[in-house]
């Protein structure tokens, strides 16, 4: 089944050829979401390491790699926010 047919039918029913169901700034919102998730998730993994069933802590993640991932996620999140507030996509 072709989804293009459904979009073409929806745009002809609405009378607007520029119908965008997911919004014009979807990529900016996704960049913000994935960047923030990467930064926050990696930061929490450093602060609170996992434990196994017996209660002993598992090895901590490498610090250098974790810091790089936090920086990359923070840059992506800031880029997403800047794109949303400026009205342009990433």
Foldseek 3Di string as FASTA:
>chain_A
DDVVVVLVVVCVVVVHPPDDPCDDAPQLVVLLVQLVCQQVVLVVCQVDPDADPVGHGDDGPDPVVSVVSNVSSVVSNVSSVVCVVVVHYD
